[in-house]
Amino acid sequence: MVNKRNTLGRGLGSLLNVSEKKVEESIFDEIQINKIEINKDQPRKSFNEEKIKELSLSIKQHGIIQPITVRRIDNDKFQLISGERRFRASKLIGNKTIPAFIRDTDDKNLLELALIENIQRENLNSIEIAISYKKLIDELKINQEKLGIRVGKDRTTINNYLRLLKLPPTIQKGLKDNKIQMGHARSLIAIETSELQLKIYQLILVNKLSVRKTEELVRNLNKQKRSIPKEKSRTNNLEKIESKLSSYFGTKITTQGDDKSGKIIIPYKSTNDLNRILELLDII
């Protein structure tokens, strides 16, 4: 028996700043599983098969407590917005249908719906959240502050997640696999070179360093570097400064002048590029 009723998605509506009418136009239905396709923009890219099996046993015994969310893409086809773990678990035990909220949304809003709803409801790891934030910023062409308003986070939190994506892939994978915590990763970001970041990362794993011990290690390491005498060569010194600034801002930085006075020139290629640089300078 099909059971349809209009439902209200208040939490999601407030997050997305979409019209109340649009969010309210949501129908609850029992949908055939073979008519649902996975959303490629789902932020979660890896699934723990053991956890899926545990969830499937729970669903078999108690049913699905929280329906999945889909959108209609054809008369007889749907696309998953959120709830892929429940979807996979239901398929695993051979369920033919699954309860779902059907939302009326177009391609433009689908990405935002999928990413934000999953960020709010699913237990995503730090890298998956960071990738989701970056995708929202890139696709919606908004800055960190506006994204923070949409997902209910301050700009500093958004920035802390985005900075994780600057770490070497090995460290990002370690964070995804829960070998280290986000606190470890944030400490590693303060290290200048990828090579040294990877060395400290291995020390964390081998010695099972806590976040606090890692912070102390990195702090002492940076103190030692600051105590090293400065380069006597003015040219080499400026070249090093230019290199570090270029790496940080993601664009070629040049300097004019000498050690006593001069200019730092930061070029930008577009309005978006300028906004990105201003965000790094914490101006906007």
Protein backbone atom coordinates (compact mmCIF):
# COMPACT_ATOMS: atom_id res chain seq x y z
CA MET A 1 0.00 0.00 0.00
CA VAL A 2 1.30 3.42 -0.93
CA ASN A 3 1.16 6.04 1.79
CA LYS A 4 1.64 9.60 0.60
CA ARG A 5 1.50 12.82 2.59
CA ASN A 6 3.00 16.28 2.46
CA THR A 7 5.80 16.84 4.97
CA LEU A 8 7.69 19.86 6.25
CA GLY A 9 11.51 20.01 6.03
CA ARG A 10 12.04 22.97 8.38
CA GLY A 11 15.64 22.27 9.35
CA LEU A 12 16.82 21.84 5.78
CA GLY A 13 14.87 24.87 4.62
CA SER A 14 16.49 27.13 7.18
CA LEU A 15 19.92 25.80 6.24
CA LEU A 16 19.46 26.41 2.55
CA ASN A 17 17.64 29.72 2.77
CA VAL A 18 15.17 28.50 0.16
CA SER A 19 11.51 29.48 0.13
CA GLU A 20 9.24 27.81 2.67
CA LYS A 21 6.87 26.77 -0.10
CA LYS A 22 9.62 24.89 -1.94
CA VAL A 23 10.72 22.93 1.13
CA GLU A 24 7.16 22.12 2.17
CA GLU A 25 6.49 20.48 -1.19
CA SER A 26 7.84 17.16 0.01
CA ILE A 27 5.96 13.86 -0.28
CA PHE A 28 6.41 10.74 1.82
CA ASP A 29 6.17 7.50 -0.15
CA GLU A 30 7.30 3.89 -0.29
CA ILE A 31 9.58 3.61 -3.36
CA GLN A 32 10.90 0.58 -5.21
CA ILE A 33 14.64 0.33 -4.53
CA ASN A 34 15.50 -0.57 -8.13
CA LYS A 35 14.08 2.78 -9.26
CA ILE A 36 16.57 4.79 -7.19
CA GLU A 37 20.00 5.83 -8.49
CA ILE A 38 22.98 6.97 -6.41
CA ASN A 39 23.93 10.65 -6.38
CA LYS A 40 27.54 11.11 -7.58
CA ASP A 41 27.83 14.26 -5.42
CA GLN A 42 27.30 12.30 -2.22
CA PRO A 43 30.10 13.51 0.10
CA ARG A 44 30.72 10.10 1.64
CA LYS A 45 32.98 8.15 -0.73
CA SER A 46 33.78 5.10 1.43
CA PHE A 47 31.46 2.88 3.44
CA ASN A 48 32.34 0.46 6.24
CA GLU A 49 30.88 -2.83 5.03
CA GLU A 50 30.71 -4.22 8.57
CA LYS A 51 28.70 -1.21 9.71
CA ILE A 52 26.38 -1.61 6.71
CA LYS A 53 25.78 -5.25 7.72
CA GLU A 54 25.02 -4.18 11.31
CA LEU A 55 22.59 -1.56 10.03
CA SER A 56 20.91 -4.09 7.73
CA LEU A 57 20.25 -6.41 10.70
CA SER A 58 18.74 -3.50 12.63
CA ILE A 59 16.54 -2.59 9.65
CA LYS A 60 15.46 -6.21 9.29
CA GLN A 61 14.36 -6.28 12.92
CA HIS A 62 13.00 -2.76 13.44
CA GLY A 63 12.49 -1.35 9.95
CA ILE A 64 13.74 2.06 8.78
CA ILE A 65 13.11 4.72 11.41
CA GLN A 66 14.40 7.67 9.35
CA PRO A 67 13.32 7.61 5.68
CA ILE A 68 15.85 8.41 2.97
CA THR A 69 15.52 11.58 0.87
CA VAL A 70 15.26 11.49 -2.93
CA ARG A 71 14.22 13.70 -5.83
CA ARG A 72 12.19 12.64 -8.84
CA ILE A 73 14.22 12.73 -12.08
CA ASP A 74 11.66 10.98 -14.28
CA ASN A 75 8.14 9.63 -13.98
CA ASP A 76 9.50 6.33 -12.74
CA LYS A 77 13.03 7.21 -11.58
CA PHE A 78 14.49 8.86 -8.47
CA GLN A 79 17.91 10.14 -7.39
CA LEU A 80 19.23 9.76 -3.85
CA ILE A 81 19.88 12.97 -1.90
CA SER A 82 20.67 11.52 1.52
CA GLY A 83 20.53 8.18 3.31
CA GLU A 84 22.88 6.04 1.21
CA ARG A 85 23.84 3.84 4.20
CA ARG A 86 20.16 3.01 4.79
CA PHE A 87 19.72 2.49 1.05
CA ARG A 88 22.66 0.07 0.84
CA ALA A 89 21.61 -1.81 3.99
CA SER A 90 18.07 -2.25 2.67
CA LYS A 91 19.38 -3.64 -0.62
CA LEU A 92 21.67 -6.01 1.30
CA ILE A 93 18.77 -7.75 3.04
CA GLY A 94 16.75 -7.92 -0.16
CA ASN A 95 14.13 -5.26 0.57
CA LYS A 96 12.22 -4.33 -2.57
CA THR A 97 10.94 -0.97 -1.33
CA ILE A 98 12.16 1.78 1.03
CA PRO A 99 10.36 4.70 2.73
CA ALA A 100 11.46 8.04 1.31
CA PHE A 101 10.81 11.76 1.34
CA ILE A 102 10.48 12.97 -2.25
CA ARG A 103 11.66 16.56 -2.60
CA ASP A 104 10.90 18.83 -5.53
CA THR A 105 14.28 20.25 -6.53
CA ASP A 106 16.19 21.00 -9.72
CA ASP A 107 19.81 20.33 -10.69
CA LYS A 108 20.91 23.72 -9.41
CA ASN A 109 19.78 22.99 -5.85
CA LEU A 110 20.58 19.27 -5.84
CA LEU A 111 24.26 19.65 -4.97
CA GLU A 112 23.48 21.99 -2.09
CA LEU A 113 20.70 19.75 -0.79
CA ALA A 114 22.83 16.61 -0.98
CA LEU A 115 25.97 18.04 0.59
CA ILE A 116 24.37 20.08 3.36
CA GLU A 117 21.88 17.42 4.39
CA ASN A 118 24.63 14.80 4.56
CA ILE A 119 27.00 17.15 6.43
CA GLN A 120 24.29 17.78 9.03
CA ARG A 121 23.01 14.23 9.39
CA GLU A 122 25.78 11.78 8.58
CA ASN A 123 28.93 10.93 10.52
CA LEU A 124 31.34 12.16 7.86
CA ASN A 125 35.07 12.22 8.48
CA SER A 126 36.97 15.52 8.48
CA ILE A 127 38.28 15.16 4.90
CA GLU A 128 34.83 14.37 3.52
CA ILE A 129 33.48 17.47 5.26
CA ALA A 130 36.37 19.57 3.91
CA ILE A 131 35.79 18.32 0.35
CA SER A 132 32.06 19.05 0.71
CA TYR A 133 32.74 22.60 1.91
CA LYS A 134 35.14 23.23 -0.98
CA LYS A 135 32.67 21.86 -3.49
CA LEU A 136 29.90 24.09 -2.15
CA ILE A 137 32.17 27.16 -2.32
CA ASP A 138 33.29 26.35 -5.87
CA GLU A 139 29.90 25.35 -7.28
CA LEU A 140 27.78 28.01 -5.56
CA LYS A 141 30.47 30.71 -5.95
CA ILE A 142 30.20 31.85 -2.34
CA ASN A 143 32.90 32.74 0.21
CA GLN A 144 33.65 31.05 3.51
CA GLU A 145 31.54 33.46 5.54
CA LYS A 146 28.42 32.86 3.43
CA LEU A 147 28.99 29.11 3.53
CA GLY A 148 29.28 29.30 7.32
CA ILE A 149 25.85 30.95 7.50
CA ARG A 150 24.35 28.20 5.34
CA VAL A 151 25.76 25.28 7.32
CA GLY A 152 25.59 26.89 10.76
CA LYS A 153 29.37 27.17 11.31
CA ASP A 154 31.62 30.17 11.87
CA ARG A 155 34.17 31.15 9.21
CA THR A 156 37.11 29.96 11.33
CA THR A 157 35.67 26.44 11.49
CA ILE A 158 35.12 26.40 7.73
CA ASN A 159 38.70 27.60 7.16
CA ASN A 160 40.13 24.96 9.52
CA TYR A 161 38.46 22.21 7.48
CA LEU A 162 39.54 23.65 4.13
CA ARG A 163 43.17 23.90 5.26
CA LEU A 164 43.18 20.10 5.73
CA LEU A 165 43.08 19.76 1.94
CA LYS A 166 46.56 21.35 1.75
CA LEU A 167 48.08 18.37 3.59
CA PRO A 168 49.82 15.59 1.61
CA PRO A 169 47.48 12.81 0.39
CA THR A 170 49.07 10.29 2.77
CA ILE A 171 48.13 12.40 5.79
CA GLN A 172 44.64 13.07 4.41
CA LYS A 173 44.13 9.31 4.05
CA GLY A 174 45.37 8.78 7.60
CA LEU A 175 42.76 11.26 8.80
CA LYS A 176 40.04 9.53 6.77
CA ASP A 177 41.07 6.14 8.18
CA ASN A 178 41.05 7.49 11.76
CA LYS A 179 44.78 6.91 12.21
CA ILE A 180 45.05 10.49 13.44
CA GLN A 181 42.58 13.05 14.75
CA MET A 182 41.76 16.46 13.33
CA GLY A 183 43.84 18.02 16.14
CA HIS A 184 46.90 16.15 14.85
CA ALA A 185 46.23 17.34 11.32
CA ARG A 186 45.81 20.97 12.36
CA SER A 187 49.22 20.83 14.07
CA LEU A 188 50.82 19.38 10.94
CA ILE A 189 49.46 22.26 8.85
CA ALA A 190 51.74 24.62 10.81
CA ILE A 191 54.81 22.79 9.43
CA GLU A 192 56.29 24.47 6.36
CA THR A 193 57.24 21.56 4.08
CA SER A 194 55.37 18.43 3.01
CA GLU A 195 58.49 16.36 3.63
CA LEU A 196 58.67 17.41 7.27
CA GLN A 197 54.90 17.04 7.68
CA LEU A 198 55.20 13.41 6.57
CA LYS A 199 58.10 12.77 8.95
CA ILE A 200 56.14 14.13 11.92
CA TYR A 201 53.09 12.17 10.77
CA GLN A 202 55.11 8.94 10.93
CA LEU A 203 56.36 9.90 14.41
CA ILE A 204 52.73 10.32 15.51
CA LEU A 205 51.84 6.85 14.26
CA VAL A 206 54.93 5.04 15.56
CA ASN A 207 54.92 6.70 19.00
CA LYS A 208 51.12 7.00 19.26
CA LEU A 209 51.44 10.67 20.11
CA SER A 210 48.42 12.45 21.55
CA VAL A 211 47.17 15.70 20.03
CA ARG A 212 48.75 17.64 22.91
CA LYS A 213 52.14 15.93 22.48
CA THR A 214 51.99 16.62 18.74
CA GLU A 215 51.23 20.29 19.35
CA GLU A 216 54.24 20.51 21.70
CA LEU A 217 56.49 18.76 19.17
CA VAL A 218 55.49 21.12 16.34
CA ARG A 219 55.73 24.19 18.58
CA ASN A 220 59.28 23.25 19.66
CA LEU A 221 60.23 22.49 16.07
CA ASN A 222 59.08 25.94 14.94
CA LYS A 223 60.94 27.59 17.83
CA GLN A 224 64.17 25.90 16.76
CA LYS A 225 63.70 27.15 13.21
CA ARG A 226 63.14 30.71 14.39
CA SER A 227 66.34 30.59 16.45
CA ILE A 228 68.49 29.79 13.39
CA PRO A 229 70.46 32.93 12.28
CA LYS A 230 68.94 34.77 9.34
CA GLU A 231 70.50 34.56 5.93
CA LYS A 232 73.11 37.25 5.44
CA SER A 233 72.41 37.42 1.75
CA ARG A 234 69.65 39.93 1.16
CA THR A 235 68.79 38.41 -2.25
CA ASN A 236 68.46 34.86 -0.93
CA ASN A 237 66.38 36.10 1.98
CA LEU A 238 63.89 37.88 -0.27
CA GLU A 239 63.73 34.89 -2.61
CA LYS A 240 62.79 32.66 0.30
CA ILE A 241 60.12 35.10 1.41
CA GLU A 242 58.70 35.25 -2.11
CA SER A 243 58.66 31.44 -2.31
CA LYS A 244 56.83 31.07 1.01
CA LEU A 245 54.30 33.77 0.16
CA SER A 246 53.70 32.30 -3.29
CA SER A 247 53.06 28.88 -1.73
CA TYR A 248 50.66 30.33 0.83
CA PHE A 249 48.64 32.52 -1.54
CA GLY A 250 48.71 30.09 -4.46
CA THR A 251 49.99 32.73 -6.87
CA LYS A 252 53.38 34.17 -7.89
CA ILE A 253 54.38 36.82 -5.32
CA THR A 254 57.14 39.34 -6.08
CA THR A 255 58.96 41.85 -3.90
CA GLN A 256 60.53 45.20 -4.70
CA GLY A 257 63.13 46.86 -2.48
CA ASP A 258 65.55 45.54 0.13
CA ASP A 259 65.51 44.19 3.70
CA LYS A 260 64.78 47.65 5.11
CA SER A 261 61.89 48.78 2.92
CA GLY A 262 60.00 47.82 -0.21
CA LYS A 263 56.79 46.41 -1.62
CA ILE A 264 55.10 43.00 -1.74
CA ILE A 265 53.08 42.54 -4.94
CA ILE A 266 50.20 40.04 -4.88
CA PRO A 267 48.61 39.60 -8.33
CA TYR A 268 45.08 38.24 -8.89
CA LYS A 269 43.44 36.92 -12.04
CA SER A 270 39.74 37.52 -11.33
CA THR A 271 37.25 38.79 -8.75
CA ASN A 272 36.95 35.28 -7.30
CA ASP A 273 40.74 35.05 -7.07
CA LEU A 274 40.86 38.42 -5.30
CA ASN A 275 38.21 37.31 -2.80
CA ARG A 276 40.18 34.12 -2.16
CA ILE A 277 43.33 36.15 -1.36
CA LEU A 278 41.38 38.55 0.86
CA GLU A 279 40.00 35.58 2.80
CA LEU A 280 43.53 34.29 3.36
CA LEU A 281 44.43 37.74 4.68
CA ASP A 282 41.33 37.53 6.93
CA ILE A 283 40.03 40.81 5.46
CA ILE A 284 36.62 39.45 4.44
